[in-house]
N, C-alpha and C. Protein backbone atom coordinates (compact mmCIF):
# COMPACT_ATOMS: atom_id res chain seq x y z
N MET A 1 79.63 203.89 172.68
CA MET A 1 78.72 203.12 171.63
C MET A 1 79.83 202.96 170.40
N LYS A 2 80.36 203.91 169.96
CA LYS A 2 81.24 203.26 168.83
C LYS A 2 82.14 202.28 168.71
N LYS A 3 82.75 202.28 170.41
CA LYS A 3 83.44 200.80 170.62
C LYS A 3 82.86 199.74 170.50
N LYS A 4 81.63 199.73 171.11
CA LYS A 4 80.96 198.41 171.06
C LYS A 4 80.82 197.78 169.81
N ILE A 5 80.09 198.86 168.52
CA ILE A 5 80.16 198.59 167.07
C ILE A 5 81.47 197.92 166.64
N ILE A 6 83.05 198.39 166.92
CA ILE A 6 83.93 198.35 166.26
C ILE A 6 84.42 196.77 167.17
N LEU A 7 84.26 196.77 168.84
CA LEU A 7 84.50 195.64 169.48
C LEU A 7 83.41 194.53 168.75
N THR A 8 81.91 194.70 168.55
CA THR A 8 81.72 193.33 168.00
C THR A 8 81.50 192.96 166.36
N SER A 9 82.27 194.00 165.33
CA SER A 9 82.50 194.00 164.24
C SER A 9 83.81 193.00 164.20
N LEU A 10 84.40 193.57 165.37
CA LEU A 10 86.12 192.74 165.53
C LEU A 10 86.09 190.51 165.67
N ILE A 11 84.51 190.98 166.84
CA ILE A 11 84.42 189.59 166.89
C ILE A 11 83.79 188.72 166.06
N ILE A 12 82.83 189.50 165.54
CA ILE A 12 82.03 188.88 164.14
C ILE A 12 83.26 188.26 163.07
N ILE A 13 84.08 188.67 162.71
CA ILE A 13 85.01 188.75 161.56
C ILE A 13 86.01 187.30 162.41
N ALA A 14 86.55 188.02 163.77
CA ALA A 14 87.42 186.33 164.18
C ALA A 14 86.63 185.80 164.50
N CYS A 15 85.41 185.14 164.40
CA CYS A 15 84.45 184.47 164.74
C CYS A 15 84.37 183.37 163.29
N GLY A 16 84.37 184.42 162.51
CA GLY A 16 84.04 183.98 160.97
C GLY A 16 85.44 183.35 160.46
N THR A 17 86.54 183.83 160.59
CA THR A 17 87.51 183.33 160.26
C THR A 17 88.11 182.24 160.79
N ILE A 18 87.89 182.08 162.02
CA ILE A 18 88.34 180.25 162.76
C ILE A 18 87.26 179.66 162.11
N LEU A 19 86.14 179.90 161.83
CA LEU A 19 85.29 179.13 161.00
C LEU A 19 85.59 178.64 159.64
N ILE A 20 86.17 179.67 159.10
CA ILE A 20 86.66 179.23 157.59
C ILE A 20 87.12 178.22 158.09
N ILE A 21 88.23 178.52 158.76
CA ILE A 21 89.54 177.67 158.90
C ILE A 21 89.40 176.23 159.17
N MET A 22 88.47 176.51 160.72
CA MET A 22 87.93 174.93 160.75
C MET A 22 87.32 174.07 159.95
N LEU A 23 86.40 174.60 159.11
CA LEU A 23 85.86 174.23 157.94
C LEU A 23 86.39 173.51 156.88
N GLY A 24 87.88 174.39 156.57
CA GLY A 24 89.03 173.62 155.45
C GLY A 24 88.41 174.60 154.19
N PHE A 25 87.73 176.17 154.32
CA PHE A 25 87.20 176.49 153.08
C PHE A 25 88.55 177.88 152.98
N TYR A 26 89.22 177.78 153.44
CA TYR A 26 90.14 179.05 152.99
C TYR A 26 91.40 178.56 152.30
N PRO A 27 91.87 179.34 151.13
CA PRO A 27 92.42 179.09 150.03
C PRO A 27 94.00 178.76 150.06
N VAL A 28 94.13 177.74 148.92
CA VAL A 28 95.26 176.81 149.03
C VAL A 28 96.11 177.98 147.84
N ALA A 29 95.32 178.07 146.94
CA ALA A 29 95.44 178.48 145.59
C ALA A 29 94.36 179.11 144.89
N VAL A 30 94.53 180.13 143.95
CA VAL A 30 93.79 180.83 143.18
C VAL A 30 94.01 180.84 141.23
N VAL A 31 93.18 180.38 140.72
CA VAL A 31 93.51 180.41 139.59
C VAL A 31 92.01 180.64 138.91
N ASN A 32 92.49 182.17 138.27
CA ASN A 32 91.56 183.07 137.35
C ASN A 32 90.66 182.99 138.39
N TRP A 33 90.46 183.51 139.74
CA TRP A 33 89.68 184.06 140.65
C TRP A 33 88.92 182.82 140.56
N ARG A 34 89.37 181.43 140.50
CA ARG A 34 88.62 180.29 141.32
C ARG A 34 89.54 179.94 142.21
N VAL A 35 88.96 179.28 143.35
CA VAL A 35 89.47 178.91 144.88
C VAL A 35 89.90 177.70 145.33
N ILE A 36 90.75 177.37 145.38
CA ILE A 36 90.87 175.82 145.28
C ILE A 36 91.46 175.98 147.08
N THR A 37 90.51 174.92 147.49
CA THR A 37 90.59 174.93 149.37
C THR A 37 91.25 174.01 149.61
N ILE A 38 91.49 174.14 151.15
CA ILE A 38 93.02 173.12 151.80
C ILE A 38 91.83 172.49 151.53
N LYS A 39 90.48 171.88 151.93
CA LYS A 39 89.90 170.96 151.93
C LYS A 39 89.80 170.05 151.01
N ASP A 40 89.31 170.60 149.86
CA ASP A 40 89.73 169.98 148.78
C ASP A 40 90.93 169.46 148.23
N PHE A 41 92.26 170.30 148.57
CA PHE A 41 93.75 170.27 148.34
C PHE A 41 93.89 169.00 149.33
N LYS A 42 93.40 168.62 150.55
CA LYS A 42 94.19 168.01 151.34
C LYS A 42 93.15 166.19 151.04
N LYS A 43 92.09 166.74 150.36
CA LYS A 43 91.33 165.33 149.92
C LYS A 43 92.22 164.24 149.37
N ASP A 44 92.37 165.27 148.16
CA ASP A 44 92.92 165.08 146.50
C ASP A 44 94.51 164.44 147.24
N LEU A 45 95.20 165.01 148.04
CA LEU A 45 96.72 165.15 148.82
C LEU A 45 96.36 163.36 149.43
N ALA A 46 95.82 163.09 150.38
CA ALA A 46 95.48 161.86 151.29
C ALA A 46 95.57 160.50 149.97
N VAL A 47 94.58 161.17 148.84
CA VAL A 47 94.04 159.49 147.91
C VAL A 47 95.52 159.53 147.09
N ALA A 48 96.32 160.65 146.72
CA ALA A 48 97.71 160.34 146.29
C ALA A 48 98.51 159.76 146.73
N ASN A 49 98.30 160.06 147.98
CA ASN A 49 99.35 159.53 149.39
C ASN A 49 99.35 158.02 149.25
N TYR A 50 98.09 157.84 149.27
CA TYR A 50 97.66 156.37 149.24
C TYR A 50 97.92 155.52 148.28
N PHE A 51 97.85 156.03 147.14
CA PHE A 51 98.12 155.18 146.01
C PHE A 51 99.33 155.58 145.86
N TYR A 52 100.47 156.35 146.10
CA TYR A 52 102.00 156.36 146.15
C TYR A 52 102.42 155.27 147.30
N LYS A 53 101.90 155.43 148.37
CA LYS A 53 102.30 154.27 149.02
C LYS A 53 102.00 152.60 148.88
N THR A 54 100.89 152.66 148.05
CA THR A 54 100.61 151.01 147.47
C THR A 54 101.41 150.58 146.35
N THR A 55 101.80 151.78 145.39
CA THR A 55 102.12 151.24 144.22
C THR A 55 103.81 151.90 143.90
N LEU A 56 104.28 152.40 145.23
CA LEU A 56 105.66 152.78 145.03
C LEU A 56 106.63 152.09 144.93
N ASP A 57 107.72 152.15 144.02
CA ASP A 57 108.80 151.17 143.83
C ASP A 57 109.27 150.79 145.27
N GLU A 58 109.73 149.66 146.09
CA GLU A 58 110.17 149.28 146.97
C GLU A 58 111.27 150.50 147.54
N ASN A 59 112.48 150.66 146.69
CA ASN A 59 113.74 151.53 146.74
C ASN A 59 113.81 152.92 147.27
N LEU A 60 111.91 152.92 146.86
CA LEU A 60 111.59 155.13 146.89
C LEU A 60 110.83 154.94 148.33
N ASN A 61 111.11 155.45 149.26
CA ASN A 61 110.30 155.81 150.18
C ASN A 61 109.37 157.05 150.50
N PRO A 62 108.03 156.91 150.10
CA PRO A 62 106.86 157.91 149.87
C PRO A 62 106.69 158.84 151.56
N ASP A 63 107.01 158.49 152.28
CA ASP A 63 107.39 159.17 153.34
C ASP A 63 108.48 160.14 153.58
N SER A 64 109.55 160.23 152.45
CA SER A 64 110.51 160.98 152.71
C SER A 64 110.24 162.79 152.21
N PRO A 65 110.75 163.84 152.49
CA PRO A 65 110.38 164.84 152.79
C PRO A 65 110.69 165.54 151.34
N GLU A 66 111.14 164.69 150.20
CA GLU A 66 111.40 165.42 148.89
C GLU A 66 110.43 164.45 148.30
N ILE A 67 109.49 163.46 148.63
CA ILE A 67 108.57 162.79 147.61
C ILE A 67 107.53 162.94 148.28
N LYS A 68 107.53 163.73 149.13
CA LYS A 68 106.35 164.00 149.82
C LYS A 68 105.79 166.03 149.16
N LYS A 69 107.14 166.22 149.04
CA LYS A 69 106.82 167.79 148.45
C LYS A 69 106.52 167.50 146.46
N ARG A 70 107.32 166.65 145.79
CA ARG A 70 106.70 166.09 144.93
C ARG A 70 105.17 165.51 144.64
N ILE A 71 105.01 164.67 144.93
CA ILE A 71 103.32 164.75 145.31
C ILE A 71 102.10 165.63 145.45
N LYS A 72 102.54 166.42 146.72
CA LYS A 72 102.20 167.75 147.34
C LYS A 72 102.04 169.02 146.03
N ARG A 73 103.22 168.87 145.13
CA ARG A 73 103.21 169.86 144.19
C ARG A 73 102.55 169.24 142.82
N GLU A 74 102.59 167.93 142.44
CA GLU A 74 101.71 167.16 141.50
C GLU A 74 100.00 167.52 141.69
N VAL A 75 99.71 167.13 143.48
CA VAL A 75 98.29 167.07 143.17
C VAL A 75 97.73 168.99 143.33
N LEU A 76 98.41 169.94 143.66
CA LEU A 76 98.11 171.19 143.11
C LEU A 76 97.67 171.43 141.97
N ASP A 77 99.50 170.98 141.48
CA ASP A 77 99.36 171.27 139.77
C ASP A 77 98.51 170.00 138.67
N LYS A 78 97.32 169.28 139.60
CA LYS A 78 96.39 168.49 138.74
C LYS A 78 94.82 169.66 139.56
N LEU A 79 95.17 169.77 140.40
CA LEU A 79 93.80 170.63 140.54
C LEU A 79 93.57 171.88 139.66
N ILE A 80 94.86 172.73 139.19
CA ILE A 80 94.70 173.77 138.90
C ILE A 80 94.49 173.64 137.10
N GLU A 81 95.23 171.96 136.71
CA GLU A 81 94.49 171.63 135.49
C GLU A 81 93.22 171.33 135.44
N ASP A 82 92.47 170.83 136.73
CA ASP A 82 91.31 170.35 136.50
C ASP A 82 90.46 171.77 136.66
N ILE A 83 90.42 172.95 136.66
CA ILE A 83 90.05 174.04 137.17
C ILE A 83 89.86 174.59 135.39
N LEU A 84 90.71 174.93 134.71
CA LEU A 84 91.04 174.80 133.04
C LEU A 84 90.27 174.18 132.69
N ILE A 85 90.51 173.14 132.54
CA ILE A 85 89.49 171.79 132.12
C ILE A 85 87.83 172.25 132.09
N ASN A 86 87.64 172.10 133.83
CA ASN A 86 85.73 172.58 133.76
C ASN A 86 85.80 174.05 133.31
N LYS A 87 86.58 174.47 132.90
CA LYS A 87 86.24 176.22 132.66
C LYS A 87 85.90 176.05 130.72
N GLU A 88 86.69 175.21 130.21
CA GLU A 88 86.29 174.86 128.92
C GLU A 88 85.27 174.01 128.50
N LEU A 89 85.27 172.87 129.47
CA LEU A 89 84.01 172.00 129.16
C LEU A 89 82.93 173.08 129.37
N LYS A 90 82.76 173.79 130.13
CA LYS A 90 81.24 174.98 130.33
C LYS A 90 81.46 175.37 129.39
N LEU A 91 82.06 176.09 128.54
CA LEU A 91 82.42 176.65 126.95
C LEU A 91 81.69 175.54 126.27
N GLN A 92 82.03 174.51 126.12
CA GLN A 92 81.51 173.34 124.86
C GLN A 92 80.77 172.99 124.95
N LEU A 93 80.26 172.46 126.30
CA LEU A 93 79.12 171.20 126.74
C LEU A 93 78.26 172.02 127.38
N LYS A 94 76.55 171.63 127.29
CA LYS A 94 75.74 172.14 128.14
C LYS A 94 76.15 171.18 129.29
N ASN A 95 76.19 171.53 130.82
CA ASN A 95 75.90 170.80 131.68
C ASN A 95 75.45 169.55 131.70
N SER A 96 73.96 169.49 130.94
CA SER A 96 73.45 168.19 131.55
C SER A 96 74.21 166.86 129.92
N GLU A 97 74.56 167.39 129.26
CA GLU A 97 75.20 166.67 128.30
C GLU A 97 76.53 165.95 128.94
N LEU A 98 77.40 167.16 129.60
CA LEU A 98 78.69 166.27 130.29
C LEU A 98 78.37 165.48 131.38
N GLU A 99 77.15 165.96 132.10
CA GLU A 99 76.58 164.83 133.12
C GLU A 99 76.48 163.66 132.57
N GLU A 100 75.64 163.60 131.73
CA GLU A 100 75.41 162.01 130.93
C GLU A 100 76.56 161.59 130.24
N ILE A 101 77.58 162.40 129.68
CA ILE A 101 78.59 161.21 129.33
C ILE A 101 79.05 160.93 130.49
N LEU A 102 79.79 161.98 131.47
CA LEU A 102 80.38 161.21 132.75
C LEU A 102 79.89 160.01 133.30
N LYS A 103 78.59 160.30 133.50
CA LYS A 103 77.77 158.79 133.81
C LYS A 103 77.77 157.63 133.45
N ASN A 104 77.91 157.95 131.80
CA ASN A 104 77.87 156.33 130.76
C ASN A 104 79.07 156.12 130.92
N LYS A 105 79.93 156.92 131.09
CA LYS A 105 81.50 156.50 130.89
C LYS A 105 82.07 155.89 132.68
N THR A 106 81.60 156.70 133.35
CA THR A 106 81.86 156.17 135.22
C THR A 106 80.65 154.54 135.24
N ASP A 107 79.77 154.58 134.42
CA ASP A 107 79.23 153.28 134.83
C ASP A 107 79.64 152.16 133.84
N GLU A 108 80.17 152.29 132.73
CA GLU A 108 81.18 151.35 131.91
C GLU A 108 82.30 151.01 132.53
N LEU A 109 83.08 152.18 133.39
CA LEU A 109 84.51 152.03 133.92
C LEU A 109 84.09 151.00 135.08
N THR A 110 82.96 151.23 136.28
CA THR A 110 83.09 150.34 137.31
C THR A 110 82.12 149.28 137.61
N LYS A 111 81.71 149.06 136.15
CA LYS A 111 80.65 148.02 136.28
C LYS A 111 81.56 146.36 136.25
N GLN A 112 82.79 146.46 136.34
CA GLN A 112 83.96 145.31 135.99
C GLN A 112 83.58 144.84 137.24
N GLU A 113 83.93 143.34 137.30
CA GLU A 113 83.83 142.47 138.38
C GLU A 113 84.74 142.49 139.42
N GLY A 114 84.74 143.18 140.08
CA GLY A 114 85.98 142.98 141.90
C GLY A 114 86.70 144.59 141.55
N ILE A 115 85.76 145.28 140.92
CA ILE A 115 86.44 146.67 140.63
C ILE A 115 86.51 147.42 142.26
N GLU A 116 85.28 147.18 142.83
CA GLU A 116 85.35 147.91 144.31
C GLU A 116 86.57 147.37 145.25
N LYS A 117 86.41 146.15 145.14
CA LYS A 117 87.64 145.54 146.07
C LYS A 117 89.14 146.10 145.29
N GLU A 118 89.49 146.52 144.20
CA GLU A 118 90.88 147.16 143.40
C GLU A 118 90.82 148.73 143.78
N ILE A 119 89.57 149.09 143.40
CA ILE A 119 89.83 150.64 144.30
C ILE A 119 89.86 150.93 145.69
N LYS A 120 89.23 149.77 146.37
CA LYS A 120 90.03 150.17 147.80
C LYS A 120 91.42 149.85 148.40
N ILE A 121 91.80 148.99 147.29
CA ILE A 121 93.20 148.62 148.13
C ILE A 121 93.95 149.56 147.29
N LEU A 122 93.99 150.01 145.83
CA LEU A 122 94.77 151.24 145.23
C LEU A 122 94.52 152.33 145.92
N TYR A 123 93.55 152.91 146.46
CA TYR A 123 93.41 154.01 146.39
C TYR A 123 92.82 154.36 148.03
N GLY A 124 92.09 153.72 148.91
CA GLY A 124 91.34 153.59 149.96
C GLY A 124 90.06 154.01 149.77
N LEU A 125 90.05 154.14 148.56
CA LEU A 125 88.41 154.68 148.46
C LEU A 125 87.15 153.75 148.13
N SER A 126 85.82 154.15 148.94
CA SER A 126 85.21 153.64 148.40
C SER A 126 84.46 154.01 146.58
N LEU A 127 83.64 152.96 146.35
CA LEU A 127 83.80 152.83 145.04
C LEU A 127 82.76 154.78 144.57
N GLU A 128 81.72 155.24 145.50
CA GLU A 128 81.40 156.61 145.13
C GLU A 128 82.39 157.44 145.51
N ASP A 129 83.74 157.31 146.42
CA ASP A 129 84.35 158.57 146.09
C ASP A 129 85.28 158.60 145.01
N PHE A 130 85.94 157.34 144.92
CA PHE A 130 86.53 157.26 143.78
C PHE A 130 85.83 157.82 142.59
N LYS A 131 84.64 157.73 142.19
CA LYS A 131 84.05 158.34 141.04
C LYS A 131 84.20 159.85 141.13
N GLU A 132 83.85 160.03 142.42
CA GLU A 132 83.69 161.76 142.53
C GLU A 132 85.58 162.14 142.23
N GLN A 133 86.16 161.72 143.03
CA GLN A 133 87.18 161.79 143.29
C GLN A 133 88.49 161.81 142.55
N VAL A 134 88.23 160.59 141.66
CA VAL A 134 89.46 160.08 140.91
C VAL A 134 89.22 160.24 139.20
N SER A 135 87.95 159.37 139.31
CA SER A 135 87.33 158.80 137.86
C SER A 135 86.81 160.22 137.24
N ARG A 136 86.11 160.90 137.79
CA ARG A 136 85.13 162.17 137.25
C ARG A 136 86.27 163.13 136.84
N PRO A 137 87.28 163.97 137.34
CA PRO A 137 87.89 164.07 136.79
C PRO A 137 89.08 163.92 135.74
N ILE A 138 89.57 162.42 135.63
CA ILE A 138 90.14 161.94 134.59
C ILE A 138 89.44 162.05 133.35
N LEU A 139 87.80 161.67 133.66
CA LEU A 139 87.16 161.72 132.62
C LEU A 139 86.95 162.43 131.49
N LYS A 140 87.04 163.81 132.56
CA LYS A 140 86.68 165.08 132.17
C LYS A 140 88.52 165.51 130.91
N ARG A 141 89.33 165.47 131.30
CA ARG A 141 90.47 165.56 130.56
C ARG A 141 89.99 164.76 129.32
N GLU A 142 89.68 163.27 129.37
CA GLU A 142 89.80 162.66 128.04
C GLU A 142 88.51 163.23 127.58
N ILE A 143 87.57 163.56 127.64
CA ILE A 143 86.30 164.23 127.14
C ILE A 143 86.73 165.13 126.44
N LEU A 144 87.46 166.08 126.84
CA LEU A 144 88.02 167.19 126.30
C LEU A 144 89.12 166.94 125.21
N ALA A 145 89.69 166.24 125.68
CA ALA A 145 91.17 165.67 124.76
C ALA A 145 90.24 165.19 123.56
N GLY A 146 89.57 164.30 123.86
CA GLY A 146 88.57 163.96 122.94
C GLY A 146 88.08 164.75 121.72
N ARG A 147 87.32 165.57 122.42
CA ARG A 147 86.78 167.01 121.22
C ARG A 147 88.04 167.32 120.19
N PHE A 148 88.90 167.79 121.20
CA PHE A 148 90.46 168.87 120.50
C PHE A 148 90.93 167.92 119.56
N LEU A 149 90.58 166.28 119.46
CA LEU A 149 90.92 165.33 118.19
C LEU A 149 90.39 165.22 117.38
N ILE A 150 88.75 165.47 117.72
CA ILE A 150 87.78 165.41 116.70
C ILE A 150 87.93 166.69 115.77
N ASN A 151 88.17 167.74 116.17
CA ASN A 151 88.31 169.04 115.77
C ASN A 151 89.65 169.08 115.33
N ASN A 152 90.73 168.26 115.64
CA ASN A 152 92.08 168.58 114.92
C ASN A 152 92.89 169.74 116.08
N LYS A 153 92.39 169.51 117.35
CA LYS A 153 93.64 170.60 118.18
C LYS A 153 94.36 170.21 118.38
N ASP A 154 95.15 170.42 118.88
CA ASP A 154 96.19 169.99 119.96
C ASP A 154 95.90 170.14 121.22
N PHE A 155 95.59 168.96 122.42
CA PHE A 155 94.58 169.52 123.72
C PHE A 155 96.65 169.52 124.68
N ILE A 156 96.93 168.88 124.49
CA ILE A 156 98.62 169.55 125.29
C ILE A 156 98.84 171.00 125.00
N GLY A 157 98.81 171.14 123.85
CA GLY A 157 99.69 172.45 123.25
C GLY A 157 98.53 173.13 124.29
N TRP A 158 97.13 173.19 123.89
CA TRP A 158 96.24 174.07 124.44
C TRP A 158 96.18 174.15 125.94
N MET A 159 96.50 173.22 126.49
CA MET A 159 97.00 173.49 128.16
C MET A 159 97.62 174.12 128.46
N LYS A 160 98.92 174.00 127.95
CA LYS A 160 100.11 174.12 128.26
C LYS A 160 100.00 176.07 127.79
N GLU A 161 99.05 175.81 126.91
CA GLU A 161 98.98 178.05 126.19
C GLU A 161 97.97 178.15 127.70
N GLN A 162 96.63 177.61 128.23
CA GLN A 162 95.99 177.80 129.25
C GLN A 162 96.96 177.73 130.67
N LYS A 163 97.95 176.61 130.83
CA LYS A 163 98.64 177.26 132.11
C LYS A 163 99.49 178.86 132.26
N ASN A 164 99.75 179.22 130.81
CA ASN A 164 100.67 180.16 130.81
C ASN A 164 100.12 181.21 130.76
N GLN A 165 98.90 181.29 130.37
CA GLN A 165 98.17 182.38 130.54
C GLN A 165 97.18 182.51 132.15
N ALA A 166 97.08 181.50 132.52
CA ALA A 166 96.60 181.61 133.71
C ALA A 166 97.43 182.33 135.37
N LYS A 167 96.11 183.38 135.83
CA LYS A 167 96.39 184.06 136.50
C LYS A 167 96.27 182.66 138.24
N VAL A 168 97.61 182.59 138.64
CA VAL A 168 97.54 181.73 139.40
C VAL A 168 97.96 182.38 140.80
N MET A 169 97.78 181.99 142.21
CA MET A 169 98.30 182.41 143.03
C MET A 169 98.25 181.62 144.26
N ILE A 170 99.76 180.77 144.73
CA ILE A 170 100.00 180.07 145.54
C ILE A 170 99.80 180.51 147.03
N PHE A 171 99.49 179.87 147.93
CA PHE A 171 99.78 180.19 148.94
C PHE A 171 100.67 179.04 149.94
N PHE A 172 101.40 178.79 149.08
CA PHE A 172 102.10 177.53 150.30
C PHE A 172 103.50 178.27 150.26
N PRO A 173 104.75 177.81 150.95
CA PRO A 173 105.42 178.80 151.47
C PRO A 173 106.34 177.71 150.46
N ASP A 174 106.34 176.58 150.43
CA ASP A 174 107.37 175.48 149.53
C ASP A 174 106.90 175.69 147.87
N LEU A 175 106.10 176.39 147.25
CA LEU A 175 105.65 176.23 146.35
C LEU A 175 105.20 177.73 145.76
N ILE A 176 105.56 177.40 144.07
CA ILE A 176 105.54 178.81 143.27
C ILE A 176 105.06 178.28 142.04
N TRP A 177 104.48 179.50 141.40
CA TRP A 177 103.96 179.19 139.88
C TRP A 177 104.59 179.77 138.99
N LYS A 178 105.34 179.37 138.42
CA LYS A 178 106.21 179.45 137.11
C LYS A 178 106.29 178.94 136.07
N GLU A 179 106.12 179.78 135.33
CA GLU A 179 106.28 179.71 133.89
C GLU A 179 105.00 178.20 133.37
N GLY A 180 103.63 178.77 134.32
CA GLY A 180 102.73 177.78 133.57
C GLY A 180 103.07 176.10 134.52
N GLY A 181 103.62 176.22 135.48
CA GLY A 181 103.50 175.06 136.28
C GLY A 181 104.01 175.62 137.68
N VAL A 182 103.52 174.73 138.60
CA VAL A 182 104.10 174.51 140.28
C VAL A 182 105.35 173.94 140.25
N VAL A 183 105.88 174.90 140.82
CA VAL A 183 107.47 174.75 141.08
C VAL A 183 107.65 174.56 142.66
N ILE A 184 108.24 173.63 142.87
CA ILE A 184 108.78 173.25 144.34
C ILE A 184 110.50 174.66 144.69
N LYS A 185 110.17 175.25 145.51
CA LYS A 185 111.15 176.45 145.84
C LYS A 185 112.21 175.75 146.08
């Protein structure tokens, strides 16, 4: 009887692990106990790779191992900063206020003539995906930086301090967290 319980438990754990891996919910990094999943990382990495391939200087090869590592490092660093920014925005604004500001700024940004075509060319995304993956994180950064400016505070200094204080674990073998930033090994 005891063996059946242990075997059943192991099967359930194995199935759960397989499901988590297949759905992309396993962590690539943890920032102050907030998880960055492989699914989110791959989504942002794909956008960054597409963008760099369409905009990078012809003399640089975006498929070279060095450029790929740099892009991977930049994407993970950006996702870590996004978590820190989101945390601070939650302290400074009600969610409804933030969403209203984001909607207004996004609508203003995306109502330009021909913007959908430009987004598709540069990022390979639909307008809605662009709003969610690219525009919202940038606008959140701008909103927070603006609030710091209004209060005569240094946003860049604050970000550096937050990154230095953050508890970050990275689960990529070629990247580490060192002195407040993602570094290539």
